Amino acid sequence: MTAAPVTGVRRLRPPSALPAALTALAVLVAWEVVVRVLAIRPILLPAPSAIAATFVADVPRLVRALVVTGRAALLGFVLGSLGGFAVGAAATRWRVLREGLIPVGVVFGAVPIVATAPIFNLWLGALSIWSNVAVVALVVFFPMMINTITGLASASDSHRELMRSYAAPQRQVFAKLLLPASLPFVFGALRVSAALSVIAAVVSDFFGGFRDSAGFFIKTLMANADYTGSWATVVALCLFGLLLYGAVALAERWSVPWKEQ
């Protein structure tokens, strides 16, 4: 007697982080080989092994820098995301507001961070964390607003008509139809903003901020010709950005389970 074939079993997929890890390893090995074979000076490009040694030796300093810069990045990320979602939801409700805000969002999205950071330092104080938070929030706000408007408008007309046929109140239409339809777009904006928030916070550090910030350390170390120390600080910022991106990805997997299907 032969056993009946098993049906409905999902084929296991390899971990999604494995290709990225292998690619990163290959890049680091090639980087190390090129630096050693060509005898590239550290002022141009330090070897990954030297950066790793400096990173391990400077862990306490790097942790302090990440706490200062990461706090501004995280606060700006949260405030900008919440504000962008709220304004985007309001713009979806009122067409005049939507048609007026989208061009404004495109224009402000093209403004470089180096132009806004000195302005906020002047308004809120160069030694205040809120100037850095404001820069990050501004960078995050408009991508979230535009994606929220796009996501809330993505619900199909047939589903909208079905909700109307049941005389569903506007609050229920938003919670049961519009919000779930917008979540993939919202998390798409959050993934992009996770990296942008770190970049904006570091650029803001160059124009002011605290002496323990990551941007101040990079500027000081470069002035003192400590190039491996600067690269070690950049690596720490990259790890923080990856951690923030991973948190957003986990939240998306939990909040939007149907996306995997």
C-alpha atoms as a PDB file:
ATOM      1  CA  MET A   1       0.000   0.000   0.000  1.00  0.00           C
ATOM      2  CA  THR A   2       1.367   3.404  -0.959  1.00  0.00           C
ATOM      3  CA  ALA A   3       0.899   6.396   1.217  1.00  0.00           C
ATOM      4  CA  ALA A   4      -1.285   9.166  -0.107  1.00  0.00           C
ATOM      5  CA  PRO A   5       0.600  12.297  -1.117  1.00  0.00           C
ATOM      6  CA  VAL A   6       0.541  15.089   1.372  1.00  0.00           C
ATOM      7  CA  THR A   7      -1.079  18.208   0.007  1.00  0.00           C
ATOM      8  CA  GLY A   8      -1.396  21.760   1.257  1.00  0.00           C
ATOM      9  CA  VAL A   9       2.081  21.831   2.854  1.00  0.00           C
ATOM     10  CA  ARG A  10       3.963  25.034   2.297  1.00  0.00           C
ATOM     11  CA  ARG A  11       7.466  24.785   0.953  1.00  0.00           C
ATOM     12  CA  LEU A  12       9.888  26.301   3.420  1.00  0.00           C
ATOM     13  CA  ARG A  13      11.638  29.357   2.142  1.00  0.00           C
ATOM     14  CA  PRO A  14      15.212  30.240   3.113  1.00  0.00           C
ATOM     15  CA  PRO A  15      15.610  33.092   5.575  1.00  0.00           C
ATOM     16  CA  SER A  16      15.311  36.395   3.783  1.00  0.00           C
ATOM     17  CA  ALA A  17      18.343  37.784   5.633  1.00  0.00           C
ATOM     18  CA  LEU A  18      20.697  35.110   4.250  1.00  0.00           C
ATOM     19  CA  PRO A  19      21.250  36.632   0.772  1.00  0.00           C
ATOM     20  CA  ALA A  20      21.870  40.063   2.292  1.00  0.00           C
ATOM     21  CA  ALA A  21      24.329  38.619   4.825  1.00  0.00           C
ATOM     22  CA  LEU A  22      26.235  36.714   2.129  1.00  0.00           C
ATOM     23  CA  THR A  23      26.371  39.807  -0.074  1.00  0.00           C
ATOM     24  CA  ALA A  24      27.656  41.942   2.817  1.00  0.00           C
ATOM     25  CA  LEU A  25      30.306  39.320   3.633  1.00  0.00           C
ATOM     26  CA  ALA A  26      31.464  39.190   0.014  1.00  0.00           C
ATOM     27  CA  VAL A  27      31.706  42.990  -0.137  1.00  0.00           C
ATOM     28  CA  LEU A  28      33.731  43.129   3.101  1.00  0.00           C
ATOM     29  CA  VAL A  29      36.148  40.424   1.926  1.00  0.00           C
ATOM     30  CA  ALA A  30      36.638  42.151  -1.436  1.00  0.00           C
ATOM     31  CA  TRP A  31      37.083  45.491   0.344  1.00  0.00           C
ATOM     32  CA  GLU A  32      39.755  44.051   2.656  1.00  0.00           C
ATOM     33  CA  VAL A  33      41.623  42.406  -0.223  1.00  0.00           C
ATOM     34  CA  VAL A  34      41.590  45.519  -2.410  1.00  0.00           C
ATOM     35  CA  VAL A  35      42.854  47.753   0.412  1.00  0.00           C
ATOM     36  CA  ARG A  36      45.699  45.387   1.279  1.00  0.00           C
ATOM     37  CA  VAL A  37      46.750  44.505  -2.274  1.00  0.00           C
ATOM     38  CA  LEU A  38      46.691  48.087  -3.546  1.00  0.00           C
ATOM     39  CA  ALA A  39      48.093  49.479  -0.263  1.00  0.00           C
ATOM     40  CA  ILE A  40      45.390  52.135  -0.077  1.00  0.00           C
ATOM     41  CA  ARG A  41      46.067  54.715   2.621  1.00  0.00           C
ATOM     42  CA  PRO A  42      43.574  54.994   5.511  1.00  0.00           C
ATOM     43  CA  ILE A  43      42.937  58.623   4.599  1.00  0.00           C
ATOM     44  CA  LEU A  44      41.271  57.334   1.423  1.00  0.00           C
ATOM     45  CA  LEU A  45      39.770  54.033   2.548  1.00  0.00           C
ATOM     46  CA  PRO A  46      40.536  52.156   5.791  1.00  0.00           C
ATOM     47  CA  ALA A  47      40.427  48.359   5.826  1.00  0.00           C
ATOM     48  CA  PRO A  48      37.330  46.710   7.371  1.00  0.00           C
ATOM     49  CA  SER A  49      39.567  44.950   9.903  1.00  0.00           C
ATOM     50  CA  ALA A  50      40.933  48.292  11.120  1.00  0.00           C
ATOM     51  CA  ILE A  51      37.431  49.748  11.327  1.00  0.00           C
ATOM     52  CA  ALA A  52      36.258  46.714  13.307  1.00  0.00           C
ATOM     53  CA  ALA A  53      39.157  47.012  15.757  1.00  0.00           C
ATOM     54  CA  THR A  54      38.423  50.708  16.307  1.00  0.00           C
ATOM     55  CA  PHE A  55      34.724  49.946  16.678  1.00  0.00           C
ATOM     56  CA  VAL A  56      35.385  47.417  19.467  1.00  0.00           C
ATOM     57  CA  ALA A  57      37.787  49.769  21.251  1.00  0.00           C
ATOM     58  CA  ASP A  58      35.384  52.734  21.066  1.00  0.00           C
ATOM     59  CA  VAL A  59      32.154  50.984  22.063  1.00  0.00           C
ATOM     60  CA  PRO A  60      31.449  53.262  25.082  1.00  0.00           C
ATOM     61  CA  ARG A  61      31.881  56.419  22.984  1.00  0.00           C
ATOM     62  CA  LEU A  62      29.808  55.003  20.147  1.00  0.00           C
ATOM     63  CA  VAL A  63      27.011  54.075  22.541  1.00  0.00           C
ATOM     64  CA  ARG A  64      26.905  57.629  23.891  1.00  0.00           C
ATOM     65  CA  ALA A  65      26.837  59.019  20.359  1.00  0.00           C
ATOM     66  CA  LEU A  66      24.024  56.696  19.343  1.00  0.00           C
ATOM     67  CA  VAL A  67      21.990  57.632  22.409  1.00  0.00           C
ATOM     68  CA  VAL A  68      22.207  61.349  21.572  1.00  0.00           C
ATOM     69  CA  THR A  69      21.728  61.153  17.812  1.00  0.00           C
ATOM     70  CA  GLY A  70      19.415  58.145  17.961  1.00  0.00           C
ATOM     71  CA  ARG A  71      17.089  59.929  20.379  1.00  0.00           C
ATOM     72  CA  ALA A  72      16.644  62.818  17.943  1.00  0.00           C
ATOM     73  CA  ALA A  73      16.198  60.415  15.026  1.00  0.00           C
ATOM     74  CA  LEU A  74      13.627  58.312  16.866  1.00  0.00           C
ATOM     75  CA  LEU A  75      11.607  61.276  18.174  1.00  0.00           C
ATOM     76  CA  GLY A  76      11.567  62.928  14.760  1.00  0.00           C
ATOM     77  CA  PHE A  77      10.658  59.622  13.111  1.00  0.00           C
ATOM     78  CA  VAL A  78       7.672  59.101  15.411  1.00  0.00           C
ATOM     79  CA  LEU A  79       6.419  62.696  15.355  1.00  0.00           C
ATOM     80  CA  GLY A  80       6.874  63.097  11.607  1.00  0.00           C
ATOM     81  CA  SER A  81       5.159  59.787  10.880  1.00  0.00           C
ATOM     82  CA  LEU A  82       2.185  60.533  13.136  1.00  0.00           C
ATOM     83  CA  GLY A  83       1.819  64.042  11.752  1.00  0.00           C
ATOM     84  CA  GLY A  84       2.113  62.893   8.149  1.00  0.00           C
ATOM     85  CA  PHE A  85      -0.481  60.174   8.651  1.00  0.00           C
ATOM     86  CA  ALA A  86      -2.922  62.541  10.392  1.00  0.00           C
ATOM     87  CA  VAL A  87      -2.625  65.231   7.712  1.00  0.00           C
ATOM     88  CA  GLY A  88      -2.828  62.625   4.949  1.00  0.00           C
ATOM     89  CA  ALA A  89      -6.006  61.163   6.450  1.00  0.00           C
ATOM     90  CA  ALA A  90      -7.540  64.634   6.700  1.00  0.00           C
ATOM     91  CA  ALA A  91      -6.536  65.412   3.123  1.00  0.00           C
ATOM     92  CA  THR A  92      -8.279  62.256   1.938  1.00  0.00           C
ATOM     93  CA  ARG A  93     -11.496  63.463   3.537  1.00  0.00           C
ATOM     94  CA  TRP A  94     -11.375  66.939   1.939  1.00  0.00           C
ATOM     95  CA  ARG A  95     -10.468  67.099  -1.742  1.00  0.00           C
ATOM     96  CA  VAL A  96      -9.431  70.771  -1.669  1.00  0.00           C
ATOM     97  CA  LEU A  97      -6.929  70.065   1.076  1.00  0.00           C
ATOM     98  CA  ARG A  98      -5.570  67.047  -0.806  1.00  0.00           C
ATOM     99  CA  GLU A  99      -5.057  68.935  -4.063  1.00  0.00           C
ATOM    100  CA  GLY A 100      -3.276  71.718  -2.207  1.00  0.00           C
ATOM    101  CA  LEU A 101      -1.012  69.574  -0.028  1.00  0.00           C
ATOM    102  CA  ILE A 102       0.393  67.129  -2.581  1.00  0.00           C
ATOM    103  CA  PRO A 103       2.284  69.802  -4.596  1.00  0.00           C
ATOM    104  CA  VAL A 104       3.521  71.324  -1.342  1.00  0.00           C
ATOM    105  CA  GLY A 105       4.767  67.902  -0.245  1.00  0.00           C
ATOM    106  CA  VAL A 106       6.641  67.407  -3.513  1.00  0.00           C
ATOM    107  CA  VAL A 107       8.275  70.834  -3.210  1.00  0.00           C
ATOM    108  CA  PHE A 108       9.333  70.387   0.419  1.00  0.00           C
ATOM    109  CA  GLY A 109      10.542  66.871  -0.312  1.00  0.00           C
ATOM    110  CA  ALA A 110      13.067  68.335  -2.738  1.00  0.00           C
ATOM    111  CA  VAL A 111      14.538  70.752  -0.167  1.00  0.00           C
ATOM    112  CA  PRO A 112      17.960  69.416   0.982  1.00  0.00           C
ATOM    113  CA  ILE A 113      18.555  68.747   4.652  1.00  0.00           C
ATOM    114  CA  VAL A 114      21.590  71.052   4.714  1.00  0.00           C
ATOM    115  CA  ALA A 115      19.250  73.943   3.902  1.00  0.00           C
ATOM    116  CA  THR A 116      16.709  73.253   6.651  1.00  0.00           C
ATOM    117  CA  ALA A 117      19.078  72.313   9.490  1.00  0.00           C
ATOM    118  CA  PRO A 118      20.581  75.816   9.971  1.00  0.00           C
ATOM    119  CA  ILE A 119      17.109  77.363   9.877  1.00  0.00           C
ATOM    120  CA  PHE A 120      15.773  75.137  12.646  1.00  0.00           C
ATOM    121  CA  ASN A 121      18.952  75.712  14.655  1.00  0.00           C
ATOM    122  CA  LEU A 122      18.278  79.437  14.423  1.00  0.00           C
ATOM    123  CA  TRP A 123      14.618  79.058  15.393  1.00  0.00           C
ATOM    124  CA  LEU A 124      14.888  76.445  18.153  1.00  0.00           C
ATOM    125  CA  GLY A 125      18.491  76.821  19.308  1.00  0.00           C
ATOM    126  CA  ALA A 126      21.666  75.116  18.129  1.00  0.00           C
ATOM    127  CA  LEU A 127      22.081  73.297  21.458  1.00  0.00           C
ATOM    128  CA  SER A 128      18.480  72.093  21.656  1.00  0.00           C
ATOM    129  CA  ILE A 129      17.538  68.557  20.697  1.00  0.00           C
ATOM    130  CA  TRP A 130      14.289  69.881  19.253  1.00  0.00           C
ATOM    131  CA  SER A 131      16.051  71.569  16.356  1.00  0.00           C
ATOM    132  CA  ASN A 132      17.369  68.159  15.269  1.00  0.00           C
ATOM    133  CA  VAL A 133      14.004  66.542  15.960  1.00  0.00           C
ATOM    134  CA  ALA A 134      12.289  69.165  13.784  1.00  0.00           C
ATOM    135  CA  VAL A 135      14.639  68.460  10.868  1.00  0.00           C
ATOM    136  CA  VAL A 136      14.007  64.723  11.100  1.00  0.00           C
ATOM    137  CA  ALA A 137      10.252  65.205  11.457  1.00  0.00           C
ATOM    138  CA  LEU A 138      10.155  67.434   8.372  1.00  0.00           C
ATOM    139  CA  VAL A 139      12.060  64.867   6.306  1.00  0.00           C
ATOM    140  CA  VAL A 140       9.729  62.073   7.437  1.00  0.00           C
ATOM    141  CA  PHE A 141       6.473  64.057   7.304  1.00  0.00           C
ATOM    142  CA  PHE A 142       5.934  64.492   3.576  1.00  0.00           C
ATOM    143  CA  PRO A 143       6.700  60.922   2.386  1.00  0.00           C
ATOM    144  CA  MET A 144       4.284  59.661   5.037  1.00  0.00           C
ATOM    145  CA  MET A 145       1.620  62.212   4.062  1.00  0.00           C
ATOM    146  CA  ILE A 146       1.787  61.363   0.344  1.00  0.00           C
ATOM    147  CA  ASN A 147       1.814  57.597   0.952  1.00  0.00           C
ATOM    148  CA  THR A 148      -1.128  57.912   3.345  1.00  0.00           C
ATOM    149  CA  ILE A 149      -3.155  59.819   0.764  1.00  0.00           C
ATOM    150  CA  THR A 150      -2.279  57.235  -1.902  1.00  0.00           C
ATOM    151  CA  GLY A 151      -3.023  54.298   0.393  1.00  0.00           C
ATOM    152  CA  LEU A 152      -6.378  55.573   1.630  1.00  0.00           C
ATOM    153  CA  ALA A 153      -7.429  56.223  -1.968  1.00  0.00           C
ATOM    154  CA  SER A 154      -6.410  52.703  -3.055  1.00  0.00           C
ATOM    155  CA  ALA A 155      -9.558  50.982  -1.689  1.00  0.00           C
ATOM    156  CA  SER A 156     -11.630  49.671  -4.585  1.00  0.00           C
ATOM    157  CA  ASP A 157     -14.875  51.375  -5.590  1.00  0.00           C
ATOM    158  CA  SER A 158     -16.788  48.098  -5.280  1.00  0.00           C
ATOM    159  CA  HIS A 159     -15.784  47.764  -1.637  1.00  0.00           C
ATOM    160  CA  ARG A 160     -16.755  51.358  -0.974  1.00  0.00           C
ATOM    161  CA  GLU A 161     -20.169  50.776  -2.552  1.00  0.00           C
ATOM    162  CA  LEU A 162     -20.623  47.651  -0.457  1.00  0.00           C
ATOM    163  CA  MET A 163     -19.963  49.602   2.735  1.00  0.00           C
ATOM    164  CA  ARG A 164     -22.432  52.280   1.638  1.00  0.00           C
ATOM    165  CA  SER A 165     -25.074  49.663   0.867  1.00  0.00           C
ATOM    166  CA  TYR A 166     -24.856  48.517   4.482  1.00  0.00           C
ATOM    167  CA  ALA A 167     -25.168  52.139   5.631  1.00  0.00           C
ATOM    168  CA  ALA A 168     -21.831  51.888   7.431  1.00  0.00           C
ATOM    169  CA  PRO A 169     -20.848  55.104   9.236  1.00  0.00           C
ATOM    170  CA  GLN A 170     -17.752  56.954   8.028  1.00  0.00           C
ATOM    171  CA  ARG A 171     -15.796  55.905  11.096  1.00  0.00           C
ATOM    172  CA  GLN A 172     -16.419  52.229  10.349  1.00  0.00           C
ATOM    173  CA  VAL A 173     -15.576  52.676   6.669  1.00  0.00           C
ATOM    174  CA  PHE A 174     -12.241  54.168   7.672  1.00  0.00           C
ATOM    175  CA  ALA A 175     -11.435  51.487  10.255  1.00  0.00           C
ATOM    176  CA  LYS A 176     -12.634  48.441   8.309  1.00  0.00           C
ATOM    177  CA  LEU A 177     -11.806  49.396   4.712  1.00  0.00           C
ATOM    178  CA  LEU A 178      -9.630  52.459   4.180  1.00  0.00           C
ATOM    179  CA  LEU A 179      -7.105  51.907   6.967  1.00  0.00           C
ATOM    180  CA  PRO A 180      -6.327  48.250   6.072  1.00  0.00           C
ATOM    181  CA  ALA A 181      -5.983  49.232   2.406  1.00  0.00           C
ATOM    182  CA  SER A 182      -3.515  51.984   3.298  1.00  0.00           C
ATOM    183  CA  LEU A 183      -1.251  49.945   5.594  1.00  0.00           C
ATOM    184  CA  PRO A 184       1.113  48.625   2.874  1.00  0.00           C
ATOM    185  CA  PHE A 185       1.643  52.201   1.686  1.00  0.00           C
ATOM    186  CA  VAL A 186       2.091  53.494   5.227  1.00  0.00           C
ATOM    187  CA  PHE A 187       4.703  50.869   6.049  1.00  0.00           C
ATOM    188  CA  GLY A 188       6.418  51.572   2.753  1.00  0.00           C
ATOM    189  CA  ALA A 189       6.844  55.173   3.897  1.00  0.00           C
ATOM    190  CA  LEU A 190       8.013  53.991   7.327  1.00  0.00           C
ATOM    191  CA  ARG A 191      10.697  51.780   5.795  1.00  0.00           C
ATOM    192  CA  VAL A 192      12.057  54.660   3.729  1.00  0.00           C
ATOM    193  CA  SER A 193      11.798  57.064   6.670  1.00  0.00           C
ATOM    194  CA  ALA A 194      13.740  54.714   8.947  1.00  0.00           C
ATOM    195  CA  ALA A 195      16.887  55.399   6.921  1.00  0.00           C
ATOM    196  CA  LEU A 196      16.064  59.043   6.222  1.00  0.00           C
ATOM    197  CA  SER A 197      15.616  59.800   9.918  1.00  0.00           C
ATOM    198  CA  VAL A 198      19.156  58.656  10.754  1.00  0.00           C
ATOM    199  CA  ILE A 199      20.619  60.629   7.847  1.00  0.00           C
ATOM    200  CA  ALA A 200      18.705  63.763   8.825  1.00  0.00           C
ATOM    201  CA  ALA A 201      19.746  63.485  12.481  1.00  0.00           C
ATOM    202  CA  VAL A 202      23.440  63.140  11.585  1.00  0.00           C
ATOM    203  CA  VAL A 203      23.354  66.039   9.118  1.00  0.00           C
ATOM    204  CA  SER A 204      21.678  68.168  11.806  1.00  0.00           C
ATOM    205  CA  ASP A 205      24.548  67.323  14.170  1.00  0.00           C
ATOM    206  CA  PHE A 206      26.989  68.955  11.762  1.00  0.00           C
ATOM    207  CA  PHE A 207      25.221  72.305  12.179  1.00  0.00           C
ATOM    208  CA  GLY A 208      24.851  72.234  15.954  1.00  0.00           C
ATOM    209  CA  GLY A 209      23.768  69.870  18.664  1.00  0.00           C
ATOM    210  CA  PHE A 210      25.606  68.236  21.525  1.00  0.00           C
ATOM    211  CA  ARG A 211      29.284  67.337  21.737  1.00  0.00           C
ATOM    212  CA  ASP A 212      28.421  63.671  22.296  1.00  0.00           C
ATOM    213  CA  SER A 213      26.419  63.416  19.070  1.00  0.00           C
ATOM    214  CA  ALA A 214      27.501  61.132  16.243  1.00  0.00           C
ATOM    215  CA  GLY A 215      27.763  63.950  13.711  1.00  0.00           C
ATOM    216  CA  PHE A 216      29.998  66.002  16.019  1.00  0.00           C
ATOM    217  CA  PHE A 217      32.259  62.972  16.560  1.00  0.00           C
ATOM    218  CA  ILE A 218      32.576  62.356  12.822  1.00  0.00           C
ATOM    219  CA  LYS A 219      33.451  66.009  12.186  1.00  0.00           C
ATOM    220  CA  THR A 220      35.990  66.084  15.037  1.00  0.00           C
ATOM    221  CA  LEU A 221      37.618  62.769  14.146  1.00  0.00           C
ATOM    222  CA  MET A 222      37.975  63.780  10.502  1.00  0.00           C
ATOM    223  CA  ALA A 223      39.616  67.050  11.560  1.00  0.00           C
ATOM    224  CA  ASN A 224      42.063  65.044  13.726  1.00  0.00           C
ATOM    225  CA  ALA A 225      42.823  62.622  10.849  1.00  0.00           C
ATOM    226  CA  ASP A 226      41.261  59.703  12.758  1.00  0.00           C
ATOM    227  CA  TYR A 227      39.624  58.205   9.694  1.00  0.00           C
ATOM    228  CA  THR A 228      39.044  54.725  11.094  1.00  0.00           C
ATOM    229  CA  GLY A 229      37.255  56.309  14.054  1.00  0.00           C
ATOM    230  CA  SER A 230      35.000  58.204  11.666  1.00  0.00           C
ATOM    231  CA  TRP A 231      34.229  55.028   9.758  1.00  0.00           C
ATOM    232  CA  ALA A 232      33.516  53.196  13.017  1.00  0.00           C
ATOM    233  CA  THR A 233      30.970  55.880  13.906  1.00  0.00           C
ATOM    234  CA  VAL A 234      29.375  55.490  10.472  1.00  0.00           C
ATOM    235  CA  VAL A 235      29.150  51.731  11.025  1.00  0.00           C
ATOM    236  CA  ALA A 236      27.416  52.293  14.371  1.00  0.00           C
ATOM    237  CA  LEU A 237      24.900  54.591  12.672  1.00  0.00           C
ATOM    238  CA  CYS A 238      24.295  51.983   9.986  1.00  0.00           C
ATOM    239  CA  LEU A 239      23.592  49.372  12.653  1.00  0.00           C
ATOM    240  CA  PHE A 240      21.127  51.721  14.349  1.00  0.00           C
ATOM    241  CA  GLY A 241      19.401  52.354  11.026  1.00  0.00           C
ATOM    242  CA  LEU A 242      19.172  48.625  10.365  1.00  0.00           C
ATOM    243  CA  LEU A 243      17.701  48.093  13.827  1.00  0.00           C
ATOM    244  CA  LEU A 244      15.044  50.743  13.197  1.00  0.00           C
ATOM    245  CA  TYR A 245      14.293  49.310   9.757  1.00  0.00           C
ATOM    246  CA  GLY A 246      14.016  45.809  11.224  1.00  0.00           C
ATOM    247  CA  ALA A 247      11.558  47.030  13.861  1.00  0.00           C
ATOM    248  CA  VAL A 248       9.395  48.552  11.115  1.00  0.00           C
ATOM    249  CA  ALA A 249       9.582  45.326   9.088  1.00  0.00           C
ATOM    250  CA  LEU A 250       8.502  43.227  12.079  1.00  0.00           C
ATOM    251  CA  ALA A 251       5.630  45.610  12.801  1.00  0.00           C
ATOM    252  CA  GLU A 252       4.558  45.387   9.170  1.00  0.00           C
ATOM    253  CA  ARG A 253       4.598  41.576   9.226  1.00  0.00           C
ATOM    254  CA  TRP A 254       2.432  41.613  12.340  1.00  0.00           C
ATOM    255  CA  SER A 255       0.044  44.344  11.151  1.00  0.00           C
ATOM    256  CA  VAL A 256      -0.280  43.332   7.480  1.00  0.00           C
ATOM    257  CA  PRO A 257      -0.238  39.511   7.491  1.00  0.00           C
ATOM    258  CA  TRP A 258      -2.145  39.311   4.203  1.00  0.00           C
ATOM    259  CA  LYS A 259       0.745  40.989   2.363  1.00  0.00           C
ATOM    260  CA  GLU A 260       2.803  37.775   2.591  1.00  0.00           C
ATOM    261  CA  GLN A 261      -0.024  35.906   0.875  1.00  0.00           C
END
